[in-house]
C-alpha atoms as a PDB file:
ATOM      1  CA  MET A   1     -15.565 -12.117 -13.564  1.00  0.00           C
ATOM      2  CA  THR A   2     -17.995  -9.936 -11.650  1.00  0.00           C
ATOM      3  CA  SER A   3     -18.507  -9.571  -7.909  1.00  0.00           C
ATOM      4  CA  LYS A   4     -21.773  -9.388  -6.016  1.00  0.00           C
ATOM      5  CA  VAL A   5     -22.652  -6.117  -4.317  1.00  0.00           C
ATOM      6  CA  TYR A   6     -25.760  -6.018  -2.157  1.00  0.00           C
ATOM      7  CA  PHE A   7     -27.613  -2.745  -1.706  1.00  0.00           C
ATOM      8  CA  THR A   8     -30.474  -1.374   0.359  1.00  0.00           C
ATOM      9  CA  LYS A   9     -31.794   2.167   0.585  1.00  0.00           C
ATOM     10  CA  GLN A  10     -32.822   1.529   4.163  1.00  0.00           C
ATOM     11  CA  ILE A  11     -30.303   2.736   6.739  1.00  0.00           C
ATOM     12  CA  THR A  12     -31.452   1.145   9.983  1.00  0.00           C
ATOM     13  CA  PRO A  13     -29.944  -1.264  12.521  1.00  0.00           C
ATOM     14  CA  GLU A  14     -32.189  -3.991  11.084  1.00  0.00           C
ATOM     15  CA  SER A  15     -31.185  -3.369   7.461  1.00  0.00           C
ATOM     16  CA  LEU A  16     -27.519  -3.332   8.443  1.00  0.00           C
ATOM     17  CA  ILE A  17     -27.863  -6.785   9.970  1.00  0.00           C
ATOM     18  CA  LYS A  18     -29.919  -7.999   7.004  1.00  0.00           C
ATOM     19  CA  ILE A  19     -27.375  -6.883   4.421  1.00  0.00           C
ATOM     20  CA  TYR A  20     -24.544  -8.467   6.418  1.00  0.00           C
ATOM     21  CA  GLU A  21     -26.480 -11.741   6.494  1.00  0.00           C
ATOM     22  CA  ALA A  22     -27.040 -11.507   2.717  1.00  0.00           C
ATOM     23  CA  LEU A  23     -23.277 -11.874   2.234  1.00  0.00           C
ATOM     24  CA  GLY A  24     -23.449 -15.463   3.481  1.00  0.00           C
ATOM     25  CA  ILE A  25     -20.184 -15.173   5.384  1.00  0.00           C
ATOM     26  CA  ASP A  26     -19.667 -16.318   8.957  1.00  0.00           C
ATOM     27  CA  LEU A  27     -17.343 -13.961  10.793  1.00  0.00           C
ATOM     28  CA  LYS A  28     -16.505 -15.838  13.947  1.00  0.00           C
ATOM     29  CA  GLY A  29     -13.884 -16.217  16.605  1.00  0.00           C
ATOM     30  CA  LYS A  30     -12.462 -12.906  17.768  1.00  0.00           C
ATOM     31  CA  VAL A  31     -14.074 -10.423  15.353  1.00  0.00           C
ATOM     32  CA  GLY A  32     -12.523  -7.015  14.719  1.00  0.00           C
ATOM     33  CA  VAL A  33     -14.854  -4.324  13.408  1.00  0.00           C
ATOM     34  CA  LYS A  34     -12.837  -1.607  11.682  1.00  0.00           C
ATOM     35  CA  VAL A  35     -14.849   1.587  11.857  1.00  0.00           C
ATOM     36  CA  SER A  36     -13.789   5.199  12.279  1.00  0.00           C
ATOM     37  CA  THR A  37     -14.595   6.443  15.756  1.00  0.00           C
ATOM     38  CA  GLY A  38     -14.402  10.019  14.442  1.00  0.00           C
ATOM     39  CA  GLU A  39     -12.224  12.948  15.453  1.00  0.00           C
ATOM     40  CA  ALA A  40     -13.357  15.087  18.370  1.00  0.00           C
ATOM     41  CA  GLY A  41     -15.672  17.686  16.851  1.00  0.00           C
ATOM     42  CA  ALA A  42     -16.697  15.534  13.871  1.00  0.00           C
ATOM     43  CA  LYS A  43     -20.355  14.626  13.488  1.00  0.00           C
ATOM     44  CA  GLY A  44     -20.750  12.256  10.541  1.00  0.00           C
ATOM     45  CA  TYR A  45     -19.222   9.102  12.072  1.00  0.00           C
ATOM     46  CA  LEU A  46     -21.443   6.012  12.238  1.00  0.00           C
ATOM     47  CA  LYS A  47     -23.503   6.201  15.411  1.00  0.00           C
ATOM     48  CA  ALA A  48     -23.865   3.654  18.194  1.00  0.00           C
ATOM     49  CA  ASP A  49     -27.598   3.159  17.734  1.00  0.00           C
ATOM     50  CA  LEU A  50     -27.084   2.228  14.061  1.00  0.00           C
ATOM     51  CA  ILE A  51     -24.099  -0.115  14.219  1.00  0.00           C
ATOM     52  CA  GLY A  52     -24.311  -1.334  17.814  1.00  0.00           C
ATOM     53  CA  PRO A  53     -26.773  -4.198  17.190  1.00  0.00           C
ATOM     54  CA  LEU A  54     -24.647  -5.687  14.377  1.00  0.00           C
ATOM     55  CA  VAL A  55     -21.416  -5.332  16.339  1.00  0.00           C
ATOM     56  CA  LYS A  56     -23.035  -7.013  19.362  1.00  0.00           C
ATOM     57  CA  LYS A  57     -24.431  -9.781  17.151  1.00  0.00           C
ATOM     58  CA  LEU A  58     -20.864 -10.522  16.047  1.00  0.00           C
ATOM     59  CA  ASN A  59     -19.544 -10.071  19.585  1.00  0.00           C
ATOM     60  CA  GLY A  60     -17.144  -7.717  17.835  1.00  0.00           C
ATOM     61  CA  THR A  61     -14.435  -5.390  19.082  1.00  0.00           C
ATOM     62  CA  ILE A  62     -14.078  -1.916  17.584  1.00  0.00           C
ATOM     63  CA  ILE A  63     -10.548  -1.687  16.167  1.00  0.00           C
ATOM     64  CA  GLU A  64      -8.668   1.514  15.391  1.00  0.00           C
ATOM     65  CA  CYS A  65      -5.126   2.888  15.217  1.00  0.00           C
ATOM     66  CA  ASN A  66      -3.796   6.255  16.318  1.00  0.00           C
ATOM     67  CA  THR A  67      -3.724   9.103  13.810  1.00  0.00           C
ATOM     68  CA  ALA A  68      -0.725  10.667  12.103  1.00  0.00           C
ATOM     69  CA  TYR A  69      -2.293  14.124  11.917  1.00  0.00           C
ATOM     70  CA  PRO A  70      -2.399  16.335  15.048  1.00  0.00           C
ATOM     71  CA  GLY A  71      -5.628  15.946  16.956  1.00  0.00           C
ATOM     72  CA  LYS A  72      -7.273  14.181  19.865  1.00  0.00           C
ATOM     73  CA  ARG A  73      -6.554  10.678  18.554  1.00  0.00           C
ATOM     74  CA  THR A  74      -2.756  10.737  18.205  1.00  0.00           C
ATOM     75  CA  ASN A  75      -2.309   8.819  21.457  1.00  0.00           C
ATOM     76  CA  THR A  76      -4.201   5.876  22.881  1.00  0.00           C
ATOM     77  CA  LYS A  77      -5.480   7.490  26.079  1.00  0.00           C
ATOM     78  CA  GLU A  78      -7.153  10.408  24.296  1.00  0.00           C
ATOM     79  CA  HIS A  79      -8.274   8.194  21.419  1.00  0.00           C
ATOM     80  CA  ILE A  80     -10.189   5.964  23.824  1.00  0.00           C
ATOM     81  CA  ARG A  81     -11.732   9.030  25.441  1.00  0.00           C
ATOM     82  CA  VAL A  82     -13.011  10.278  22.066  1.00  0.00           C
ATOM     83  CA  ALA A  83     -14.392   6.813  21.285  1.00  0.00           C
ATOM     84  CA  GLU A  84     -16.168   6.869  24.636  1.00  0.00           C
ATOM     85  CA  ASP A  85     -17.542  10.370  24.010  1.00  0.00           C
ATOM     86  CA  HIS A  86     -18.874   9.191  20.637  1.00  0.00           C
ATOM     87  CA  GLY A  87     -20.671   6.233  22.183  1.00  0.00           C
ATOM     88  CA  PHE A  88     -18.571   3.326  20.916  1.00  0.00           C
ATOM     89  CA  THR A  89     -17.635   1.962  24.337  1.00  0.00           C
ATOM     90  CA  SER A  90     -21.340   1.706  25.183  1.00  0.00           C
ATOM     91  CA  PHE A  91     -21.740  -1.414  23.038  1.00  0.00           C
ATOM     92  CA  ALA A  92     -18.254  -2.891  22.485  1.00  0.00           C
ATOM     93  CA  ASP A  93     -14.663  -2.952  23.631  1.00  0.00           C
ATOM     94  CA  VAL A  94     -12.408  -0.542  21.740  1.00  0.00           C
ATOM     95  CA  ASP A  95      -8.902  -1.679  20.797  1.00  0.00           C
ATOM     96  CA  ILE A  96      -6.346   0.917  19.666  1.00  0.00           C
ATOM     97  CA  MET A  97      -4.267  -1.657  17.857  1.00  0.00           C
ATOM     98  CA  ASP A  98      -0.944   0.223  17.762  1.00  0.00           C
ATOM     99  CA  ALA A  99      -0.996   1.095  21.464  1.00  0.00           C
ATOM    100  CA  ASP A 100       1.922  -1.313  21.896  1.00  0.00           C
ATOM    101  CA  GLY A 101       3.573  -0.864  18.519  1.00  0.00           C
ATOM    102  CA  ASP A 102       3.204  -2.197  15.008  1.00  0.00           C
ATOM    103  CA  PHE A 103       4.539  -4.796  12.591  1.00  0.00           C
ATOM    104  CA  LYS A 104       5.385  -4.983   8.912  1.00  0.00           C
ATOM    105  CA  ILE A 105       3.473  -6.903   6.288  1.00  0.00           C
ATOM    106  CA  PRO A 106       4.730  -7.126   2.706  1.00  0.00           C
ATOM    107  CA  VAL A 107       3.387  -5.097  -0.199  1.00  0.00           C
ATOM    108  CA  ASN A 108       3.467  -7.175  -3.369  1.00  0.00           C
ATOM    109  CA  LYS A 109       3.699  -5.510  -6.793  1.00  0.00           C
ATOM    110  CA  GLY A 110       3.778  -2.049  -5.237  1.00  0.00           C
ATOM    111  CA  LYS A 111       5.279   0.979  -6.969  1.00  0.00           C
ATOM    112  CA  HIS A 112       5.470   3.160  -3.869  1.00  0.00           C
ATOM    113  CA  LEU A 113       5.439   1.073  -0.684  1.00  0.00           C
ATOM    114  CA  GLU A 114       7.858  -1.688   0.255  1.00  0.00           C
ATOM    115  CA  TYR A 115       5.694  -2.775   3.181  1.00  0.00           C
ATOM    116  CA  ASP A 116       2.688  -1.767   5.267  1.00  0.00           C
ATOM    117  CA  LEU A 117       2.876  -1.013   8.997  1.00  0.00           C
ATOM    118  CA  ILE A 118      -0.195  -2.154  10.908  1.00  0.00           C
ATOM    119  CA  GLY A 119      -1.112  -2.150  14.589  1.00  0.00           C
ATOM    120  CA  ASN A 120       0.322  -5.047  16.609  1.00  0.00           C
ATOM    121  CA  ASN A 121      -3.078  -6.133  17.896  1.00  0.00           C
ATOM    122  CA  PHE A 122      -4.472  -6.730  14.402  1.00  0.00           C
ATOM    123  CA  ALA A 123      -2.836 -10.164  14.590  1.00  0.00           C
ATOM    124  CA  ASN A 124      -5.147 -11.093  17.485  1.00  0.00           C
ATOM    125  CA  TYR A 125      -8.324 -11.163  15.364  1.00  0.00           C
ATOM    126  CA  ASP A 126      -9.754 -14.211  13.612  1.00  0.00           C
ATOM    127  CA  SER A 127     -12.050 -12.318  11.228  1.00  0.00           C
ATOM    128  CA  ILE A 128     -12.699  -8.720  10.221  1.00  0.00           C
ATOM    129  CA  LEU A 129     -15.669  -6.548   9.315  1.00  0.00           C
ATOM    130  CA  ASN A 130     -14.579  -3.486   7.339  1.00  0.00           C
ATOM    131  CA  LEU A 131     -17.470  -1.183   8.241  1.00  0.00           C
ATOM    132  CA  ALA A 132     -16.927   2.125   6.474  1.00  0.00           C
ATOM    133  CA  HIS A 133     -18.785   5.403   6.449  1.00  0.00           C
ATOM    134  CA  GLY A 134     -18.948   6.509   2.813  1.00  0.00           C
ATOM    135  CA  LYS A 135     -18.295  10.251   2.409  1.00  0.00           C
ATOM    136  CA  GLY A 136     -15.849  12.730   0.917  1.00  0.00           C
ATOM    137  CA  HIS A 137     -12.310  13.250   2.118  1.00  0.00           C
ATOM    138  CA  MET A 138     -10.062  16.302   2.193  1.00  0.00           C
ATOM    139  CA  MET A 139      -6.948  14.434   1.022  1.00  0.00           C
ATOM    140  CA  GLY A 140      -8.160  11.229  -0.629  1.00  0.00           C
ATOM    141  CA  GLY A 141     -11.254  12.571  -2.380  1.00  0.00           C
ATOM    142  CA  PHE A 142     -13.509   9.988  -0.782  1.00  0.00           C
ATOM    143  CA  GLY A 143     -13.418   7.514   2.035  1.00  0.00           C
ATOM    144  CA  ALA A 144     -14.988   4.057   1.944  1.00  0.00           C
ATOM    145  CA  ASN A 145     -13.709   0.471   2.301  1.00  0.00           C
ATOM    146  CA  LEU A 146     -10.322   0.936   0.601  1.00  0.00           C
ATOM    147  CA  LYS A 147      -9.350   3.912   2.718  1.00  0.00           C
ATOM    148  CA  ASN A 148     -10.704   2.213   5.849  1.00  0.00           C
ATOM    149  CA  GLN A 149      -8.466  -0.780   5.120  1.00  0.00           C
ATOM    150  CA  SER A 150      -5.335   1.193   4.279  1.00  0.00           C
ATOM    151  CA  ILE A 151      -5.071   4.332   6.395  1.00  0.00           C
ATOM    152  CA  GLY A 152      -7.510   2.902   8.946  1.00  0.00           C
ATOM    153  CA  ILE A 153      -5.598  -0.280   9.780  1.00  0.00           C
ATOM    154  CA  ALA A 154      -2.132   1.260   9.450  1.00  0.00           C
ATOM    155  CA  SER A 155      -0.416   2.272  12.662  1.00  0.00           C
ATOM    156  CA  ARG A 156       0.439   5.902  13.318  1.00  0.00           C
ATOM    157  CA  LYS A 157       3.819   5.407  11.628  1.00  0.00           C
ATOM    158  CA  GLY A 158       2.164   3.343   8.916  1.00  0.00           C
ATOM    159  CA  LYS A 159      -0.236   6.179   8.164  1.00  0.00           C
ATOM    160  CA  ALA A 160       2.737   8.513   7.744  1.00  0.00           C
ATOM    161  CA  TYR A 161       4.375   6.007   5.387  1.00  0.00           C
ATOM    162  CA  ILE A 162       1.254   5.842   3.201  1.00  0.00           C
ATOM    163  CA  HIS A 163       0.658   9.602   3.230  1.00  0.00           C
ATOM    164  CA  SER A 164       4.255  10.207   2.146  1.00  0.00           C
ATOM    165  CA  ALA A 165       3.999   7.540  -0.585  1.00  0.00           C
ATOM    166  CA  GLY A 166       6.766   5.507   1.049  1.00  0.00           C
ATOM    167  CA  GLN A 167       9.203   8.279   1.916  1.00  0.00           C
ATOM    168  CA  THR A 168       9.016   8.392   5.708  1.00  0.00           C
ATOM    169  CA  THR A 169       7.365   6.797   8.727  1.00  0.00           C
ATOM    170  CA  SER A 170       7.566  10.036  10.703  1.00  0.00           C
ATOM    171  CA  PRO A 171       4.146  11.572  11.487  1.00  0.00           C
ATOM    172  CA  THR A 172       5.923  14.929  11.689  1.00  0.00           C
ATOM    173  CA  LEU A 173       7.881  14.754   8.441  1.00  0.00           C
ATOM    174  CA  CYS A 174       5.289  13.040   6.251  1.00  0.00           C
ATOM    175  CA  TRP A 175       3.243  16.192   5.642  1.00  0.00           C
ATOM    176  CA  ALA A 176       6.260  17.938   4.089  1.00  0.00           C
ATOM    177  CA  SER A 177       7.117  15.070   1.729  1.00  0.00           C
ATOM    178  CA  LYS A 178       7.132  15.892  -1.989  1.00  0.00           C
ATOM    179  CA  HIS A 179       5.163  13.578  -4.259  1.00  0.00           C
ATOM    180  CA  GLU A 180       2.331  13.615  -6.745  1.00  0.00           C
ATOM    181  CA  GLN A 181      -1.242  13.237  -5.511  1.00  0.00           C
ATOM    182  CA  ILE A 182      -1.658  10.052  -7.540  1.00  0.00           C
ATOM    183  CA  ASP A 183       1.272   8.520  -5.623  1.00  0.00           C
ATOM    184  CA  PHE A 184      -0.657   8.898  -2.362  1.00  0.00           C
ATOM    185  CA  ILE A 185      -3.842   7.499  -3.884  1.00  0.00           C
ATOM    186  CA  GLU A 186      -1.968   4.476  -5.245  1.00  0.00           C
ATOM    187  CA  SER A 187      -0.164   3.998  -1.923  1.00  0.00           C
ATOM    188  CA  MET A 188      -3.539   3.591  -0.215  1.00  0.00           C
ATOM    189  CA  ALA A 189      -4.451   0.869  -2.725  1.00  0.00           C
ATOM    190  CA  GLU A 190      -1.144  -0.899  -2.073  1.00  0.00           C
ATOM    191  CA  ALA A 191      -1.654  -0.838   1.696  1.00  0.00           C
ATOM    192  CA  ALA A 192      -5.248  -2.061   1.414  1.00  0.00           C
ATOM    193  CA  THR A 193      -4.084  -4.932  -0.807  1.00  0.00           C
ATOM    194  CA  ALA A 194      -1.339  -5.834   1.666  1.00  0.00           C
ATOM    195  CA  VAL A 195      -3.932  -6.187   4.441  1.00  0.00           C
ATOM    196  CA  ALA A 196      -6.162  -8.362   2.238  1.00  0.00           C
ATOM    197  CA  ASP A 197      -3.178 -10.551   1.326  1.00  0.00           C
ATOM    198  CA  TYR A 198      -2.205 -10.913   4.979  1.00  0.00           C
ATOM    199  CA  LEU A 199      -5.724 -11.968   5.947  1.00  0.00           C
ATOM    200  CA  ARG A 200      -6.022 -14.452   3.086  1.00  0.00           C
ATOM    201  CA  GLU A 201      -2.631 -16.022   3.786  1.00  0.00           C
ATOM    202  CA  ASN A 202      -3.602 -16.489   7.438  1.00  0.00           C
ATOM    203  CA  GLY A 203      -7.052 -17.897   6.692  1.00  0.00           C
ATOM    204  CA  LYS A 204      -8.894 -14.948   8.210  1.00  0.00           C
ATOM    205  CA  PRO A 205     -12.121 -13.882   6.422  1.00  0.00           C
ATOM    206  CA  ILE A 206     -13.183 -10.288   5.879  1.00  0.00           C
ATOM    207  CA  ALA A 207     -16.461  -8.685   4.799  1.00  0.00           C
ATOM    208  CA  TYR A 208     -17.080  -5.157   3.531  1.00  0.00           C
ATOM    209  CA  ILE A 209     -19.928  -2.751   4.252  1.00  0.00           C
ATOM    210  CA  ILE A 210     -20.308   0.928   3.314  1.00  0.00           C
ATOM    211  CA  VAL A 211     -22.961   3.071   4.964  1.00  0.00           C
ATOM    212  CA  ALA A 212     -23.521   5.987   2.571  1.00  0.00           C
ATOM    213  CA  SER A 213     -25.107   8.494   4.919  1.00  0.00           C
ATOM    214  CA  ALA A 214     -24.289  12.028   6.107  1.00  0.00           C
ATOM    215  CA  LEU A 215     -22.426  12.574   2.829  1.00  0.00           C
ATOM    216  CA  SER A 216     -20.158  15.485   3.675  1.00  0.00           C
ATOM    217  CA  LEU A 217     -17.195  16.718   1.653  1.00  0.00           C
ATOM    218  CA  ASP A 218     -14.789  16.041   4.494  1.00  0.00           C
ATOM    219  CA  CYS A 219     -14.036  12.927   6.466  1.00  0.00           C
ATOM    220  CA  ASP A 220     -14.968  11.934  10.003  1.00  0.00           C
ATOM    221  CA  CYS A 221     -11.320  12.668  10.830  1.00  0.00           C
ATOM    222  CA  ALA A 222     -11.995  16.416  10.378  1.00  0.00           C
ATOM    223  CA  GLU A 223     -12.829  18.210  13.620  1.00  0.00           C
ATOM    224  CA  ASN A 224     -14.719  20.845  11.631  1.00  0.00           C
ATOM    225  CA  GLN A 225     -16.519  18.350   9.393  1.00  0.00           C
ATOM    226  CA  GLY A 226     -19.216  20.129   7.417  1.00  0.00           C
ATOM    227  CA  ASP A 227     -22.849  19.230   6.947  1.00  0.00           C
ATOM    228  CA  PRO A 228     -23.964  16.675   4.319  1.00  0.00           C
ATOM    229  CA  VAL A 229     -24.066  18.029   0.764  1.00  0.00           C
ATOM    230  CA  MET A 230     -26.504  15.412  -0.542  1.00  0.00           C
ATOM    231  CA  LYS A 231     -29.128  13.026   0.726  1.00  0.00           C
ATOM    232  CA  ASP A 232     -28.325   9.580   2.123  1.00  0.00           C
ATOM    233  CA  ILE A 233     -27.897   6.839  -0.501  1.00  0.00           C
ATOM    234  CA  GLY A 234     -28.082   3.566   1.425  1.00  0.00           C
ATOM    235  CA  ILE A 235     -25.907   0.620   2.437  1.00  0.00           C
ATOM    236  CA  PHE A 236     -23.587  -1.412   0.187  1.00  0.00           C
ATOM    237  CA  ALA A 237     -22.108  -4.806   1.125  1.00  0.00           C
ATOM    238  CA  SER A 238     -19.733  -7.178  -0.657  1.00  0.00           C
ATOM    239  CA  LEU A 239     -16.888  -9.602  -0.196  1.00  0.00           C
ATOM    240  CA  ASP A 240     -14.953  -7.507  -2.745  1.00  0.00           C
ATOM    241  CA  PRO A 241     -13.770  -4.082  -1.525  1.00  0.00           C
ATOM    242  CA  VAL A 242     -13.044  -2.745  -5.019  1.00  0.00           C
ATOM    243  CA  ALA A 243     -16.524  -3.645  -6.269  1.00  0.00           C
ATOM    244  CA  ASN A 244     -18.109  -2.181  -3.130  1.00  0.00           C
ATOM    245  CA  ASP A 245     -16.233   1.128  -3.422  1.00  0.00           C
ATOM    246  CA  GLN A 246     -17.023   1.231  -7.157  1.00  0.00           C
ATOM    247  CA  ALA A 247     -20.740   0.743  -6.495  1.00  0.00           C
ATOM    248  CA  PHE A 248     -20.644   3.577  -3.961  1.00  0.00           C
ATOM    249  CA  ILE A 249     -18.900   5.882  -6.452  1.00  0.00           C
ATOM    250  CA  ASP A 250     -21.295   4.897  -9.248  1.00  0.00           C
ATOM    251  CA  ALA A 251     -24.242   5.792  -7.021  1.00  0.00           C
ATOM    252  CA  ILE A 252     -22.828   9.267  -6.448  1.00  0.00           C
ATOM    253  CA  TRP A 253     -22.376   9.806 -10.187  1.00  0.00           C
ATOM    254  CA  ALA A 254     -25.858   8.462 -10.937  1.00  0.00           C
ATOM    255  CA  SER A 255     -27.539  10.610  -8.277  1.00  0.00           C
ATOM    256  CA  LYS A 256     -29.981  13.356  -9.301  1.00  0.00           C
ATOM    257  CA  ASP A 257     -29.368  15.129  -5.999  1.00  0.00           C
ATOM    258  CA  PRO A 258     -28.167  18.680  -6.762  1.00  0.00           C
ATOM    259  CA  GLY A 259     -25.484  18.342  -4.099  1.00  0.00           C
ATOM    260  CA  ALA A 260     -23.916  15.331  -5.775  1.00  0.00           C
ATOM    261  CA  LYS A 261     -21.894  17.611  -8.044  1.00  0.00           C
ATOM    262  CA  GLN A 262     -20.049  19.048  -5.052  1.00  0.00           C
ATOM    263  CA  LEU A 263     -19.042  15.586  -3.903  1.00  0.00           C
ATOM    264  CA  GLN A 264     -18.034  14.579  -7.439  1.00  0.00           C
ATOM    265  CA  GLU A 265     -15.826  17.660  -7.685  1.00  0.00           C
ATOM    266  CA  ARG A 266     -14.211  16.916  -4.331  1.00  0.00           C
ATOM    267  CA  ILE A 267     -13.459  13.332  -5.382  1.00  0.00           C
ATOM    268  CA  ASP A 268     -12.017  14.184  -8.795  1.00  0.00           C
ATOM    269  CA  SER A 269     -10.042  17.197  -7.568  1.00  0.00           C
ATOM    270  CA  ARG A 270      -8.070  14.728  -5.403  1.00  0.00           C
ATOM    271  CA  GLU A 271      -7.902  12.027  -8.124  1.00  0.00           C
ATOM    272  CA  GLY A 272      -9.889   9.850  -5.746  1.00  0.00           C
ATOM    273  CA  ARG A 273     -11.398   7.532  -8.343  1.00  0.00           C
ATOM    274  CA  ALA A 274      -7.910   6.480  -9.487  1.00  0.00           C
ATOM    275  CA  ILE A 275      -7.659   4.168  -6.482  1.00  0.00           C
ATOM    276  CA  LEU A 276     -10.174   1.789  -8.081  1.00  0.00           C
ATOM    277  CA  PRO A 277      -8.434   0.774 -11.339  1.00  0.00           C
ATOM    278  CA  TYR A 278      -5.076   0.656  -9.573  1.00  0.00           C
ATOM    279  CA  ALA A 279      -6.414  -1.612  -6.817  1.00  0.00           C
ATOM    280  CA  GLU A 280      -7.839  -3.801  -9.554  1.00  0.00           C
ATOM    281  CA  THR A 281      -4.413  -4.150 -11.207  1.00  0.00           C
ATOM    282  CA  LEU A 282      -2.999  -5.215  -7.837  1.00  0.00           C
ATOM    283  CA  GLY A 283      -5.527  -8.054  -7.669  1.00  0.00           C
ATOM    284  CA  LEU A 284      -7.495  -6.677  -4.735  1.00  0.00           C
ATOM    285  CA  GLY A 285     -10.815  -7.036  -6.551  1.00  0.00           C
ATOM    286  CA  THR A 286     -12.768  -6.085  -9.633  1.00  0.00           C
ATOM    287  CA  ARG A 287     -14.699  -2.973 -10.650  1.00  0.00           C
ATOM    288  CA  GLU A 288     -17.254  -5.170 -12.406  1.00  0.00           C
ATOM    289  CA  TYR A 289     -20.193  -6.060 -10.196  1.00  0.00           C
ATOM    290  CA  ASP A 290     -23.795  -7.191 -10.126  1.00  0.00           C
ATOM    291  CA  LEU A 291     -25.916  -4.969  -7.891  1.00  0.00           C
ATOM    292  CA  ILE A 292     -28.382  -7.031  -5.894  1.00  0.00           C
ATOM    293  CA  LYS A 293     -31.066  -4.944  -4.222  1.00  0.00           C
ATOM    294  CA  ILE A 294     -32.597  -6.128  -0.990  1.00  0.00           C
ATOM    295  CA  GLN A 295     -35.539  -4.686   0.917  1.00  0.00           C
END
């Protein structure tokens, strides 16, 4: 069984809307758009002029949770200020979903996590757009839909639980936890699957988009995020997050850009690609896909 992944080289507000429409899904009701608002000092986050028209078309709300790492987004007040500084409040409301706490959802078939902790307000949304910026990541190797759905939707304590591979929910203690790198990578897959299961069981649809632009080695969560190491690739969209992340990874490995090797080395040095086969075993999606190019 293969999944459909749509792709366009064009990275414009119009192409973003077009590729969303190609999915044939109707995200309606109260729509949450999960996108990283970027740490203060970062520069690669998806910009208002690119994503604003699609978010407004969906009448969407930007949804985030506070961070576990020290920075400007560990508390709701400062997090909102950063989102405002980065232009997100200019086109949508911003909801820091764990401002008033979190709740547990079960992790099925997990080796590391017993549950996932997600922001309380996530329950308020009828449908979700997982809108990820595809790039490298200091800890996970790369960030795209799976990371955006695991670390991104987890509350501050939930992020600590994933980063520690199930050992602690303390944002202070999690960084000292002892575990193998693969345990963290697999924990992200387990959390992402838990969110997908929760949405399916509650009849809430979700769509996945990756904007592969400003391809830096580090994530938008890094205040000293470096410059891109390779040229923009394009936009990927699917109803299957595993297939969409796999298509993004395949494009990096197929690229003739001389900088692609740096990004490949970053991803493999963190065992980043291991999230894909493990997520597949959990039933989150498939790595087999048909790439459908649109103009």
